[in-house]
Each structure stands twice: as C-alpha cells, then as structure tokens.
Amino acid sequence: MKSLLKWQAISFISRGLAMAVGIVQSIVIVRILSVGEYGLITLATSIGGAFGIYQHLGLASGSTREISSAKNNKEIFEIFLTSVVIRYFVTIPLAVILFFISRYISVIQYGNPALIVPLKLFAFVLLIQGVQSIFNSVISGTQRFKQLFTYQVIIAIAGLFIYIPLIYLYRVDGFFYSLILFNILASLSLGVMALGPLKGSFAWPQKADFRRLLRDILSISLAIYVVKIIVTYWQKSGPLLLGVSYSPEEIGLFGFALLYATKLMAVSDSVTDINLPVLSKKFVENIEEFKSLFIGNFDKVFVFIVFAAVTAVFWVRDVFHLLIGSEKYDGSFPFVLPLVFAFIFYSVVNIVMSSILVPAKMVKEMIVGFLFMLVLTVGFYFAFNSVWGGLVTMAYAMVFGVLTNLVVLAFFSWRKLGFSFLRLKHAILIIVGLVISLQVYTDFNMTKILTYLLGSGIYIALVFLLKFVTKEDVQAGLRKLKTISLGAENNG
C-alpha cells in the first residue's frame, strides 16, 4: 500500500500544481469577460463536449491495459495505431457534423447566433485533441509516470500564455482560438514523448493482428465508452437544461460554481491514474490482497477528499472575493455547497470505477449505476424545478443522482465481490463535513477562523477515532519523511 500511496501522492502533486495554474487562468478569464460572455463559453463548451464524448470509445483505458502487457515496442506501436484508427473513424464524422449543424443548434435550438463561431471552432478542437488520450496511454502503459506528471505541469503553465492574451484581444472567440492552439501544442508534445522511445519499431499491424487487437482493446472499452457518455451528459446537464430557459448570465453563475466544484476531481483523477494498472494486476493475482489493498488505500483517500472539499466550501466566499476582486459571482454561492458535495460523491464513484469495476469487469453493473445517476438527476430537476427554481434544483439534482449511483455500486460490489467499500464511518465523516461547510454563508472574521480550526480539529479526531488512519500509519509516514530528508542531505 505504501508504494501505491507514493505514486498517488506524486500524481496528486503534479495534478495539484497543474490545477493551481488552471485556477489562476480561470480567475483571470472571468476577470476579463463579463458574466454573460462566460455563460456563452460555458454553453458552447457544454454543447461541444456533448459531441466530443462520442469520440472516446473508452480507448484510453483499453489501450493502457493492452500496452502494459505488450511484449515489445513493435507491439506497443501496433496497439497505438489500431487505437488511433478506431478513434478517428468516429472523430472525423463527429467534427464534420458539429461544424455543419452549428448554425441550426445556435439559432433554432438555443436562439443565440453568437454560438455559431464557437461551435465551428470547437469542431476543429475535436480533430486536434482526438489523439491525446492515445498518446497518454502509451506513456502510462510503459510506466513513464515521471515524464507524464512533468508534462501536466508544464502544459498547464503554457496554457496561461496562450489563453490570456487571445481572450483579452478577441473575448469569446479568443477562448476558442486559444483552445485550438493549446491542443495543437499538447498533441505535438505528447506525440514526441509517446513515440520517441518507439523509434525504429514503427510497423503497420497485419490484418489478423489488427482484428485481435481490436477485439482485445474494445473488450471493456465500449462499456467505459458508454459510461463516459453518461458522465459527460450528467456533468453538462446543468448548462444544457438551463440554457433553454435561463439567460447566459444565470448560466454563467451556475457554470462558475460548477467549475469550482469540478476542481475537486484532481484528487480522484490522480488516484485513478495509478489505481487502474496496479489494482487490475492485483485483482488477477490475489482477490483477498486486492480487497485489503483497496480498502486501506480508499479510506485514506476518502479522508483527504472530504477535508479538501469542506475547506473549499468553507472559504469559497473569501476565495471568490480575493481572487476575482469583485462581487459579480456572488450569485453562485447558493450552488457551491451542493455541487461540491456532488463531486465528493462523484470522486468516490470515479475511484471505485477504476479500482473495482474495471479490474473485476463488472460491465453491466457499471452501466446500470451510471444510468441511475443521469436519469435521476434529470428526473429530479423536472420534478422540483417549479418548486425551488431551476438553478438551485439543478445543483441538488446532481447530488441526488450521483449519491444514488454510489449506493447502487456499493450494493453491486457487496453482492458480487463480498465486500462493500462504504460503511457507517464514511457517512459520519460526510455529515460532519456538511455541518462544518454550512459556514459558507458567513463573512470573513475571527469567529469564522476559529470555527474552521475547531471543525478541523473535530474532523481529525474523528479520522483517528473511526480508524481511517492509525497511529502506525502516522509513524510509518514520519519514517518515510525522515528517510527522504536524510537522502536529500546525503545528496547535498
């Protein structure tokens, strides 16, 4: 478990640095643009993203698994080529369709001609970024994690110098010019990293090999593909449903709260990067060790996710005012708490998917759980929209949908594998976190600081009391830090 935590920590640090740069970029962008302009970008990227999800086919996970077990560089390149052919067989028609129906979507469906150019530009983005996840699979599958994590930070910094000038000069259209340039740079960089070590092994697969690779790659990829489509529609359901009845300004407020909440995904994404290959192997080798490794690791990650989320909610008013420098996004405060908690639950679902469902090939169970999430989110919105108002209802609809998915997946895990990753102590920690988070509605003062410190103390005490973390875990961590410190001194 120590090795797993180590790689997760490195992955999290790199993603955290990239996320920090991304937050700075987002803050600068919302300072430059009006709320209405930001709402227009949110709507356009939601529509484009809804198209873009169809290109994925779950190929990243399928390719990573096959590349990890490849015998040599020639086979790795054959897997890469097969995956690229599959990807662009779908991506090219999608991009062409989006380009030519952008006027219909903008004028007829949404009544907003300003969407036409952004959607046409997004069609080019789909073509450019299509290969990125396949390059990622080559790098991850060959376990060049250090290169990948370094790239994540550098490309995020490069994004600052691409997005900010173009958005300042060209406003909404500038965002999409930036998106194209950024993805060109990202694709070229990943391509060099992925294919450079394979030089001399480039070969087109034979027909029989192509069919075999196609079957192997798609054996679980299609299920992941279906799930990714569902997740994308779930994440975009707010802007897509609200866009029909609400103004760009109102969508902008909801979209900014959603953007803030999704930053929590950096934690679970950093975990899934490592868990998928490690736990897939462990599941095949020894199911009992797999369970023990997952539960011990999951508990610690869960503690961190909840604490990070609670902190993000608690200080959101102060963070917004400090970074944005005005009160123009204060209208998004009511949506932050439910949306952040929705992404606590989704972070857990994300970890469970990569750590249990994919290794155990629980394909049907995975699809059923995610269908529950989407259908119940949309159903909740239409059921209570007239009672609470669309914006608030949408935020709580996302909580209801993803929480149902989590419960369903916990049941399937218990029924098929004989263990459940959710226990009473997880619910207790969530409730305590929710109580602490309610201070989101208070202004910054000494009382709020003391309340946060008191709440954090209670939270940490519960973590030890409920045995999420033990004394032995702390001692092991301190020994590891001491070893690292001594190593640094010796190298110096």
Protein backbone atom coordinates (compact mmCIF):
# COMPACT_ATOMS: atom_id res chain seq x y z
CA MET A 1 0.00 0.00 0.00
CA LYS A 2 2.95 2.34 0.69
CA SER A 3 4.09 2.14 -2.94
CA LEU A 4 0.54 2.83 -4.13
CA LEU A 5 0.24 5.87 -1.86
CA LYS A 6 3.63 7.13 -3.01
CA TRP A 7 2.67 7.15 -6.69
CA GLN A 8 -0.75 8.60 -5.88
CA ALA A 9 0.95 11.39 -3.92
CA ILE A 10 3.29 12.19 -6.81
CA SER A 11 0.37 12.10 -9.23
CA PHE A 12 -1.67 14.36 -6.95
CA ILE A 13 1.15 16.89 -6.56
CA SER A 14 1.59 17.18 -10.32
CA ARG A 15 -2.15 17.48 -10.88
CA GLY A 16 -2.39 19.90 -7.97
CA LEU A 17 0.24 22.18 -9.49
CA ALA A 18 -1.49 21.97 -12.86
CA MET A 19 -4.84 22.67 -11.19
CA ALA A 20 -3.40 25.69 -9.35
CA VAL A 21 -2.24 27.12 -12.66
CA GLY A 22 -5.66 26.31 -14.13
CA ILE A 23 -7.41 28.15 -11.30
CA VAL A 24 -5.24 31.22 -11.88
CA GLN A 25 -6.09 31.00 -15.58
CA SER A 26 -9.82 30.67 -14.85
CA ILE A 27 -9.75 33.62 -12.44
CA VAL A 28 -8.01 35.84 -14.99
CA ILE A 29 -10.50 34.77 -17.66
CA VAL A 30 -13.56 35.61 -15.54
CA ARG A 31 -12.00 38.97 -14.66
CA ILE A 32 -11.62 39.75 -18.37
CA LEU A 33 -15.03 38.52 -19.51
CA SER A 34 -18.49 39.59 -18.46
CA VAL A 35 -20.78 37.07 -16.76
CA GLY A 36 -22.78 36.80 -19.98
CA GLU A 37 -19.68 36.10 -22.08
CA TYR A 38 -18.54 33.46 -19.62
CA GLY A 39 -22.02 31.92 -19.75
CA LEU A 40 -21.79 31.79 -23.55
CA ILE A 41 -18.46 29.93 -23.32
CA THR A 42 -19.95 27.54 -20.75
CA LEU A 43 -22.88 26.77 -23.05
CA ALA A 44 -20.71 26.35 -26.18
CA THR A 45 -18.21 24.04 -24.45
CA SER A 46 -21.09 22.04 -22.97
CA ILE A 47 -22.60 21.50 -26.43
CA GLY A 48 -19.19 20.73 -27.94
CA GLY A 49 -18.32 18.43 -25.05
CA ALA A 50 -21.58 16.55 -25.53
CA PHE A 51 -20.46 15.88 -29.12
CA GLY A 52 -16.86 15.18 -28.17
CA ILE A 53 -17.62 12.42 -25.70
CA TYR A 54 -18.70 10.16 -28.56
CA GLN A 55 -15.12 10.00 -29.88
CA HIS A 56 -13.58 8.42 -26.78
CA LEU A 57 -14.88 4.83 -27.05
CA GLY A 58 -13.18 4.13 -23.72
CA LEU A 59 -9.99 3.65 -25.72
CA ALA A 60 -7.65 5.22 -23.16
CA SER A 61 -8.33 2.52 -20.57
CA GLY A 62 -8.41 -0.32 -23.08
CA SER A 63 -5.19 0.83 -24.74
CA THR A 64 -3.40 1.32 -21.43
CA ARG A 65 -4.24 -2.21 -20.35
CA GLU A 66 -3.01 -3.74 -23.63
CA ILE A 67 0.15 -1.63 -23.79
CA SER A 68 1.03 -2.57 -20.21
CA SER A 69 1.16 -6.23 -21.20
CA ALA A 70 2.82 -5.75 -24.61
CA LYS A 71 5.95 -7.82 -25.26
CA ASN A 72 7.99 -5.25 -27.19
CA ASN A 73 7.98 -1.78 -28.76
CA LYS A 74 6.72 -3.10 -32.08
CA GLU A 75 3.59 -4.47 -30.42
CA ILE A 76 3.13 -1.22 -28.49
CA PHE A 77 3.18 0.75 -31.73
CA GLU A 78 0.70 -1.65 -33.34
CA ILE A 79 -1.67 -1.14 -30.41
CA PHE A 80 -1.22 2.62 -30.74
CA LEU A 81 -2.00 2.57 -34.47
CA THR A 82 -5.05 0.37 -34.00
CA SER A 83 -6.39 2.69 -31.32
CA VAL A 84 -5.82 5.79 -33.47
CA VAL A 85 -7.66 4.24 -36.42
CA ILE A 86 -10.63 3.41 -34.18
CA ARG A 87 -10.59 6.91 -32.65
CA TYR A 88 -10.60 8.86 -35.90
CA PHE A 89 -13.11 6.54 -37.52
CA VAL A 90 -15.54 8.16 -35.08
CA THR A 91 -13.97 11.60 -34.53
CA ILE A 92 -13.86 12.82 -38.14
CA PRO A 93 -17.62 12.35 -38.81
CA LEU A 94 -18.46 13.94 -35.44
CA ALA A 95 -16.36 17.02 -36.12
CA VAL A 96 -17.85 17.43 -39.61
CA ILE A 97 -21.41 17.10 -38.27
CA LEU A 98 -20.80 19.64 -35.47
CA PHE A 99 -19.28 22.11 -37.95
CA PHE A 100 -22.20 21.98 -40.36
CA ILE A 101 -25.08 21.92 -37.85
CA SER A 102 -23.62 24.65 -35.62
CA ARG A 103 -25.97 27.24 -37.15
CA TYR A 104 -29.02 25.05 -36.52
CA ILE A 105 -28.02 24.40 -32.90
CA SER A 106 -27.24 28.07 -32.27
CA VAL A 107 -30.19 29.75 -33.98
CA ILE A 108 -33.00 27.20 -33.93
CA GLN A 109 -32.36 25.22 -30.75
CA TYR A 110 -30.83 27.86 -28.46
CA GLY A 111 -31.87 31.09 -30.19
CA ASN A 112 -28.36 32.52 -29.84
CA PRO A 113 -26.43 33.24 -33.09
CA ALA A 114 -23.34 34.14 -31.04
CA LEU A 115 -22.79 30.38 -30.56
CA ILE A 116 -22.14 29.73 -34.28
CA VAL A 117 -18.43 30.63 -34.45
CA PRO A 118 -17.51 28.99 -31.10
CA LEU A 119 -19.15 25.72 -32.16
CA LYS A 120 -17.40 25.74 -35.57
CA LEU A 121 -14.07 26.30 -33.83
CA PHE A 122 -14.82 23.53 -31.34
CA ALA A 123 -15.23 21.13 -34.28
CA PHE A 124 -11.53 21.69 -35.10
CA VAL A 125 -10.64 21.15 -31.44
CA LEU A 126 -12.24 17.69 -31.60
CA LEU A 127 -9.98 16.73 -34.51
CA ILE A 128 -6.81 18.02 -32.86
CA GLN A 129 -7.32 16.57 -29.39
CA GLY A 130 -8.57 13.17 -30.55
CA VAL A 131 -5.15 11.53 -30.40
CA GLN A 132 -4.09 12.91 -27.00
CA SER A 133 -5.56 10.19 -24.81
CA ILE A 134 -3.94 7.51 -27.01
CA PHE A 135 -0.54 9.17 -26.58
CA ASN A 136 -1.29 9.26 -22.85
CA SER A 137 -1.99 5.53 -22.90
CA VAL A 138 1.40 4.81 -24.47
CA ILE A 139 3.20 6.86 -21.80
CA SER A 140 1.18 5.41 -18.89
CA GLY A 141 1.26 1.87 -20.24
CA THR A 142 5.05 1.97 -20.45
CA GLN A 143 5.08 3.42 -16.90
CA ARG A 144 6.87 6.65 -17.76
CA PHE A 145 4.97 8.40 -14.98
CA LYS A 146 7.66 10.96 -14.23
CA GLN A 147 7.55 12.31 -17.79
CA LEU A 148 3.77 12.37 -17.80
CA PHE A 149 3.47 14.21 -14.48
CA THR A 150 6.10 16.78 -15.52
CA TYR A 151 4.23 17.36 -18.77
CA GLN A 152 0.98 18.04 -16.91
CA VAL A 153 2.54 20.96 -15.04
CA ILE A 154 4.45 22.44 -17.99
CA ILE A 155 1.49 22.32 -20.40
CA ALA A 156 -0.74 23.99 -17.81
CA ILE A 157 1.74 26.88 -17.48
CA ALA A 158 1.96 27.14 -21.28
CA GLY A 159 -1.83 27.45 -21.33
CA LEU A 160 -1.62 30.73 -19.38
CA PHE A 161 0.45 32.33 -22.14
CA ILE A 162 -1.91 31.07 -24.83
CA TYR A 163 -5.34 31.76 -23.33
CA ILE A 164 -4.99 35.11 -21.59
CA PRO A 165 -3.70 37.28 -24.50
CA LEU A 166 -6.14 35.84 -27.04
CA ILE A 167 -9.15 36.13 -24.72
CA TYR A 168 -8.16 39.71 -23.89
CA LEU A 169 -7.99 40.56 -27.61
CA TYR A 170 -10.89 38.52 -29.02
CA ARG A 171 -13.16 37.86 -26.00
CA VAL A 172 -15.39 34.76 -26.51
CA ASP A 173 -13.93 33.80 -29.90
CA GLY A 174 -10.46 34.23 -28.41
CA PHE A 175 -11.21 31.46 -25.92
CA PHE A 176 -11.77 29.03 -28.79
CA TYR A 177 -8.73 30.26 -30.78
CA SER A 178 -6.76 29.54 -27.60
CA LEU A 179 -8.34 26.12 -27.28
CA ILE A 180 -7.16 25.20 -30.79
CA LEU A 181 -3.59 26.44 -30.26
CA PHE A 182 -3.36 24.82 -26.82
CA ASN A 183 -4.47 21.44 -28.16
CA ILE A 184 -2.04 21.62 -31.09
CA LEU A 185 0.80 22.17 -28.62
CA ALA A 186 -0.46 19.43 -26.29
CA SER A 187 -0.85 16.88 -29.10
CA LEU A 188 2.61 17.56 -30.52
CA SER A 189 4.26 17.40 -27.08
CA LEU A 190 2.55 14.14 -26.14
CA GLY A 191 3.35 12.67 -29.54
CA VAL A 192 7.08 13.27 -29.13
CA MET A 193 7.03 11.86 -25.58
CA ALA A 194 4.99 8.80 -26.53
CA LEU A 195 6.56 7.80 -29.84
CA GLY A 196 10.16 8.97 -29.34
CA PRO A 197 11.24 5.82 -27.43
CA LEU A 198 9.50 3.63 -30.05
CA LYS A 199 11.62 4.94 -32.92
CA GLY A 200 12.75 2.05 -35.08
CA SER A 201 9.74 -0.07 -34.13
CA PHE A 202 7.13 1.57 -36.36
CA ALA A 203 5.17 -1.09 -38.25
CA TRP A 204 1.62 -1.39 -39.51
CA PRO A 205 -0.13 -4.42 -37.93
CA GLN A 206 -1.10 -7.38 -40.10
CA LYS A 207 -4.81 -7.88 -40.76
CA ALA A 208 -5.07 -10.75 -38.27
CA ASP A 209 -3.18 -8.77 -35.63
CA PHE A 210 -5.40 -5.75 -36.23
CA ARG A 211 -8.53 -7.83 -35.64
CA ARG A 212 -7.06 -9.37 -32.49
CA LEU A 213 -6.00 -6.00 -31.11
CA LEU A 214 -9.37 -4.54 -32.00
CA ARG A 215 -11.13 -7.27 -30.02
CA ASP A 216 -8.79 -7.02 -27.03
CA ILE A 217 -8.89 -3.24 -26.81
CA LEU A 218 -12.66 -2.99 -27.16
CA SER A 219 -13.47 -5.85 -24.77
CA ILE A 220 -14.03 -3.42 -21.91
CA SER A 221 -13.52 -0.10 -23.68
CA LEU A 222 -17.05 0.02 -25.06
CA ALA A 223 -18.54 -0.25 -21.57
CA ILE A 224 -16.27 2.56 -20.39
CA TYR A 225 -17.30 4.48 -23.51
CA VAL A 226 -20.98 4.22 -22.60
CA VAL A 227 -20.20 5.35 -19.06
CA LYS A 228 -18.16 8.34 -20.29
CA ILE A 229 -21.07 9.45 -22.46
CA ILE A 230 -23.41 9.22 -19.48
CA VAL A 231 -20.96 11.10 -17.23
CA THR A 232 -20.46 13.87 -19.78
CA TYR A 233 -24.21 14.39 -20.12
CA TRP A 234 -24.51 14.34 -16.34
CA GLN A 235 -21.79 16.97 -15.90
CA LYS A 236 -23.18 19.08 -18.74
CA SER A 237 -26.84 18.53 -17.80
CA GLY A 238 -26.94 21.79 -15.84
CA PRO A 239 -25.91 24.18 -18.64
CA LEU A 240 -27.74 22.12 -21.28
CA LEU A 241 -31.09 22.07 -19.45
CA LEU A 242 -30.82 25.56 -18.00
CA GLY A 243 -29.69 27.02 -21.34
CA VAL A 244 -33.17 26.55 -22.79
CA SER A 245 -34.91 28.72 -20.17
CA TYR A 246 -32.28 30.90 -18.47
CA SER A 247 -30.08 33.80 -19.59
CA PRO A 248 -26.34 33.47 -20.29
CA GLU A 249 -25.69 35.48 -17.10
CA GLU A 250 -27.60 32.96 -14.97
CA ILE A 251 -25.89 30.03 -16.69
CA GLY A 252 -22.58 31.80 -16.07
CA LEU A 253 -23.26 31.89 -12.32
CA PHE A 254 -24.15 28.20 -12.27
CA GLY A 255 -21.22 27.38 -14.56
CA PHE A 256 -18.73 29.15 -12.31
CA ALA A 257 -19.94 27.24 -9.24
CA LEU A 258 -19.71 24.03 -11.29
CA LEU A 259 -16.18 24.91 -12.40
CA TYR A 260 -15.15 25.48 -8.78
CA ALA A 261 -16.66 22.14 -7.71
CA THR A 262 -15.05 20.13 -10.51
CA LYS A 263 -11.56 21.14 -9.33
CA LEU A 264 -12.07 18.52 -6.60
CA MET A 265 -11.72 15.88 -9.32
CA ALA A 266 -7.95 16.48 -9.33
CA VAL A 267 -7.71 14.24 -6.25
CA SER A 268 -9.63 11.26 -7.62
CA ASP A 269 -8.10 11.62 -11.09
CA SER A 270 -4.61 11.43 -9.61
CA VAL A 271 -5.67 8.26 -7.78
CA THR A 272 -7.23 6.60 -10.83
CA ASP A 273 -4.08 7.22 -12.90
CA ILE A 274 -2.26 4.79 -10.62
CA ASN A 275 -5.05 2.51 -9.37
CA LEU A 276 -6.16 1.17 -12.75
CA PRO A 277 -2.90 -0.64 -13.66
CA VAL A 278 -1.89 -1.53 -10.08
CA LEU A 279 -5.23 -2.89 -8.85
CA SER A 280 -6.05 -4.61 -12.15
CA LYS A 281 -2.90 -6.68 -11.72
CA LYS A 282 -3.59 -7.32 -8.02
CA PHE A 283 -7.18 -8.44 -8.74
CA VAL A 284 -5.93 -11.17 -11.07
CA GLU A 285 -3.15 -12.30 -8.71
CA ASN A 286 -4.93 -12.40 -5.34
CA ILE A 287 -8.50 -11.23 -4.71
CA GLU A 288 -8.11 -11.03 -0.93
CA GLU A 289 -4.96 -8.91 -1.18
CA PHE A 290 -6.83 -6.78 -3.71
CA LYS A 291 -9.63 -6.11 -1.21
CA SER A 292 -7.22 -5.33 1.61
CA LEU A 293 -5.10 -3.02 -0.54
CA PHE A 294 -8.12 -1.16 -1.91
CA ILE A 295 -9.89 -0.62 1.43
CA GLY A 296 -6.77 0.58 3.25
CA ASN A 297 -5.93 2.97 0.44
CA PHE A 298 -9.53 4.09 -0.19
CA ASP A 299 -10.11 5.11 3.43
CA LYS A 300 -7.13 7.45 3.41
CA VAL A 301 -8.03 8.97 0.05
CA PHE A 302 -11.64 9.44 1.22
CA VAL A 303 -10.47 11.37 4.30
CA PHE A 304 -8.43 13.71 2.13
CA ILE A 305 -11.18 14.25 -0.47
CA VAL A 306 -13.79 15.18 2.14
CA PHE A 307 -11.45 17.52 4.02
CA ALA A 308 -10.35 19.24 0.79
CA ALA A 309 -13.99 19.67 -0.25
CA VAL A 310 -15.09 21.02 3.13
CA THR A 311 -12.24 23.54 3.08
CA ALA A 312 -13.15 24.59 -0.46
CA VAL A 313 -16.77 25.20 0.54
CA PHE A 314 -15.97 26.85 3.88
CA TRP A 315 -13.77 29.55 2.34
CA VAL A 316 -15.49 29.95 -1.03
CA ARG A 317 -16.89 33.43 -0.34
CA ASP A 318 -13.48 34.69 0.71
CA VAL A 319 -11.69 32.95 -2.17
CA PHE A 320 -14.07 34.43 -4.75
CA HIS A 321 -13.70 37.96 -3.38
CA LEU A 322 -9.93 37.69 -3.06
CA LEU A 323 -9.23 36.22 -6.49
CA ILE A 324 -11.94 37.83 -8.60
CA GLY A 325 -11.71 41.19 -6.87
CA SER A 326 -15.42 41.93 -7.11
CA GLU A 327 -18.83 40.54 -6.17
CA LYS A 328 -20.02 39.75 -9.70
CA TYR A 329 -20.10 35.98 -9.00
CA ASP A 330 -21.70 36.19 -5.54
CA GLY A 331 -24.89 34.86 -7.11
CA SER A 332 -23.19 31.47 -7.50
CA PHE A 333 -22.74 30.93 -3.72
CA PRO A 334 -26.03 29.00 -3.21
CA PHE A 335 -24.90 26.40 -5.76
CA VAL A 336 -21.37 25.82 -4.44
CA LEU A 337 -22.21 23.68 -1.39
CA PRO A 338 -24.45 21.13 -3.17
CA LEU A 339 -22.21 20.98 -6.24
CA VAL A 340 -19.04 20.41 -4.22
CA PHE A 341 -20.73 17.61 -2.28
CA ALA A 342 -21.97 16.16 -5.57
CA PHE A 343 -18.35 15.97 -6.66
CA ILE A 344 -17.29 14.40 -3.36
CA PHE A 345 -19.62 11.54 -4.21
CA TYR A 346 -18.56 11.51 -7.85
CA SER A 347 -14.89 11.41 -6.84
CA VAL A 348 -15.64 8.25 -4.87
CA VAL A 349 -17.53 6.80 -7.85
CA ASN A 350 -14.58 7.63 -10.10
CA ILE A 351 -12.16 5.79 -7.80
CA VAL A 352 -14.49 2.80 -7.50
CA MET A 353 -14.81 2.59 -11.27
CA SER A 354 -11.05 2.42 -11.90
CA SER A 355 -10.23 0.35 -8.81
CA ILE A 356 -13.07 -2.19 -8.63
CA LEU A 357 -15.45 -2.15 -11.60
CA VAL A 358 -12.86 -2.22 -14.39
CA PRO A 359 -10.47 -4.74 -12.76
CA ALA A 360 -13.43 -7.00 -11.88
CA LYS A 361 -15.02 -6.46 -15.32
CA MET A 362 -18.34 -5.51 -13.71
CA VAL A 363 -19.53 -4.08 -17.02
CA LYS A 364 -23.31 -4.36 -16.64
CA GLU A 365 -23.25 -3.16 -13.04
CA MET A 366 -21.17 -0.14 -14.03
CA ILE A 367 -23.57 0.92 -16.79
CA VAL A 368 -26.66 0.42 -14.60
CA GLY A 369 -25.22 2.57 -11.80
CA PHE A 370 -24.34 5.44 -14.12
CA LEU A 371 -27.71 5.28 -15.88
CA PHE A 372 -29.36 5.70 -12.48
CA MET A 373 -27.19 8.78 -11.95
CA LEU A 374 -28.19 10.53 -15.17
CA VAL A 375 -31.87 9.58 -15.22
CA LEU A 376 -32.47 10.51 -11.58
CA THR A 377 -30.59 13.80 -11.94
CA VAL A 378 -32.75 14.86 -14.89
CA GLY A 379 -35.90 13.47 -13.25
CA PHE A 380 -35.21 15.36 -10.01
CA TYR A 381 -34.73 18.59 -11.98
CA PHE A 382 -38.05 18.33 -13.80
CA ALA A 383 -39.88 17.17 -10.66
CA PHE A 384 -38.79 20.09 -8.42
CA ASN A 385 -37.81 22.81 -10.87
CA SER A 386 -41.14 24.64 -10.45
CA VAL A 387 -40.88 24.43 -6.64
CA TRP A 388 -37.32 25.65 -5.93
CA GLY A 389 -36.36 27.32 -9.21
CA GLY A 390 -34.22 25.76 -11.91
CA LEU A 391 -30.74 26.80 -10.78
CA VAL A 392 -30.98 25.56 -7.18
CA THR A 393 -32.91 22.47 -8.23
CA MET A 394 -30.23 21.54 -10.78
CA ALA A 395 -27.50 21.72 -8.13
CA TYR A 396 -29.35 19.40 -5.74
CA ALA A 397 -30.43 17.15 -8.63
CA MET A 398 -26.76 16.40 -9.31
CA VAL A 399 -26.25 15.47 -5.65
CA PHE A 400 -29.25 13.14 -5.67
CA GLY A 401 -28.25 11.44 -8.92
CA VAL A 402 -24.62 10.73 -8.05
CA LEU A 403 -25.41 9.66 -4.48
CA THR A 404 -27.86 7.10 -5.85
CA ASN A 405 -25.18 5.83 -8.22
CA LEU A 406 -22.75 5.44 -5.32
CA VAL A 407 -25.23 3.43 -3.26
CA VAL A 408 -26.07 1.20 -6.25
CA LEU A 409 -22.38 0.49 -6.95
CA ALA A 410 -21.75 -0.27 -3.27
CA PHE A 411 -24.58 -2.82 -3.39
CA PHE A 412 -23.20 -4.45 -6.57
CA SER A 413 -19.72 -4.61 -5.04
CA TRP A 414 -21.08 -6.32 -1.93
CA ARG A 415 -23.20 -8.77 -3.94
CA LYS A 416 -20.54 -9.79 -6.48
CA LEU A 417 -17.26 -9.49 -4.56
CA GLY A 418 -18.42 -9.98 -0.99
CA PHE A 419 -17.26 -6.63 0.37
CA SER A 420 -18.54 -3.06 0.45
CA PHE A 421 -16.31 -0.02 0.24
CA LEU A 422 -18.93 2.13 2.06
CA ARG A 423 -19.51 1.78 5.79
CA LEU A 424 -21.16 3.78 8.56
CA LYS A 425 -17.94 5.65 9.34
CA HIS A 426 -17.90 7.14 5.83
CA ALA A 427 -21.41 8.53 6.34
CA ILE A 428 -20.41 10.02 9.71
CA LEU A 429 -17.47 11.83 8.14
CA ILE A 430 -19.68 13.22 5.37
CA ILE A 431 -22.25 14.53 7.88
CA VAL A 432 -19.57 16.21 10.00
CA GLY A 433 -18.10 17.75 6.84
CA LEU A 434 -21.52 19.07 5.84
CA VAL A 435 -22.06 20.71 9.24
CA ILE A 436 -18.66 22.44 9.02
CA SER A 437 -19.39 23.56 5.45
CA LEU A 438 -22.54 25.45 6.44
CA GLN A 439 -20.30 28.37 7.47
CA VAL A 440 -20.02 29.17 3.75
CA TYR A 441 -22.74 31.76 4.23
CA THR A 442 -20.84 33.82 6.85
CA ASP A 443 -18.44 36.73 6.25
CA PHE A 444 -14.72 36.55 7.00
CA ASN A 445 -13.94 37.33 10.65
CA MET A 446 -12.10 35.86 13.64
CA THR A 447 -15.13 33.76 14.61
CA LYS A 448 -15.07 32.08 11.20
CA ILE A 449 -11.35 31.31 11.53
CA LEU A 450 -11.84 29.81 15.00
CA THR A 451 -14.84 27.82 13.74
CA TYR A 452 -12.72 26.37 10.93
CA LEU A 453 -9.92 25.42 13.33
CA LEU A 454 -12.41 23.83 15.75
CA GLY A 455 -14.16 21.96 12.94
CA SER A 456 -10.83 20.75 11.55
CA GLY A 457 -9.81 19.51 15.00
CA ILE A 458 -13.06 17.57 15.39
CA TYR A 459 -12.66 16.15 11.88
CA ILE A 460 -9.09 14.97 12.52
CA ALA A 461 -10.09 13.46 15.87
CA LEU A 462 -12.88 11.51 14.13
CA VAL A 463 -10.44 10.29 11.48
CA PHE A 464 -8.38 8.59 14.21
CA LEU A 465 -11.37 7.55 16.33
CA LEU A 466 -13.03 5.82 13.36
CA LYS A 467 -9.67 4.25 12.37
CA PHE A 468 -9.41 5.80 8.93
CA VAL A 469 -5.82 6.49 9.95
CA THR A 470 -3.98 4.70 12.75
CA LYS A 471 -1.01 5.56 14.92
CA GLU A 472 1.05 3.05 12.94
CA ASP A 473 0.17 4.86 9.70
CA VAL A 474 1.44 8.15 11.12
CA GLN A 475 4.65 6.54 12.39
CA ALA A 476 5.26 4.92 9.01
CA GLY A 477 4.72 8.26 7.29
CA LEU A 478 7.16 10.02 9.62
CA ARG A 479 9.77 7.33 9.00
CA LYS A 480 9.34 7.78 5.26
CA LEU A 481 9.75 11.56 5.55
CA LYS A 482 12.87 11.06 7.67
CA THR A 483 14.33 8.72 5.03
CA ILE A 484 13.62 11.24 2.28
CA SER A 485 15.15 14.05 4.35
CA LEU A 486 18.31 12.05 5.08
CA GLY A 487 18.61 11.11 1.41
CA ALA A 488 18.36 14.77 0.40
CA GLU A 489 21.06 15.74 2.93
CA ASN A 490 23.39 12.99 1.69
CA ASN A 491 22.89 14.06 -1.93
CA GLY A 492 23.60 17.63 -0.92
